[in-house]
Amino acid sequence: MAPIAERGPPRPSGARAYRTIGPFGADTIPIGLLSRHTLKEGAWGLLSVIAGSIRFHWDDEAGGHRLLKSGDTMLIPPRVPHHLERRGSVTIEIAFCAAASAA
């Protein structure tokens, strides 16, 4: 399944993961992911829902949210504010990607 992307520039072709965090369960998701934050310039996030569901919120002027379920992957572009909202049992993992020359 292709990643869901609703904001920002597309991930560059040839981008590769330089760091992965998780897996996190509902009780171990870092607090920083649950409040408004952004990714640095040149970094894209790939949020993967391994089990359960979680609500992803865009915190920019356009706003909006999406309920992500087991098997979904969300592409998060650089410098677009967002946060996660727990919705019961969930397991997530996040891979941070950059263009090969920036990693």
Foldseek 3Di string as FASTA:
>chain_A
DDADEDDDDDADPQKDFPDKDDFDKPVRDDVVQADKDFAAPQKKKKKAWQAAWKKKWFPDPVIDIDIDHHGHIHIGHGPTIIHIGDDPITTMMMTMIGHPVVD
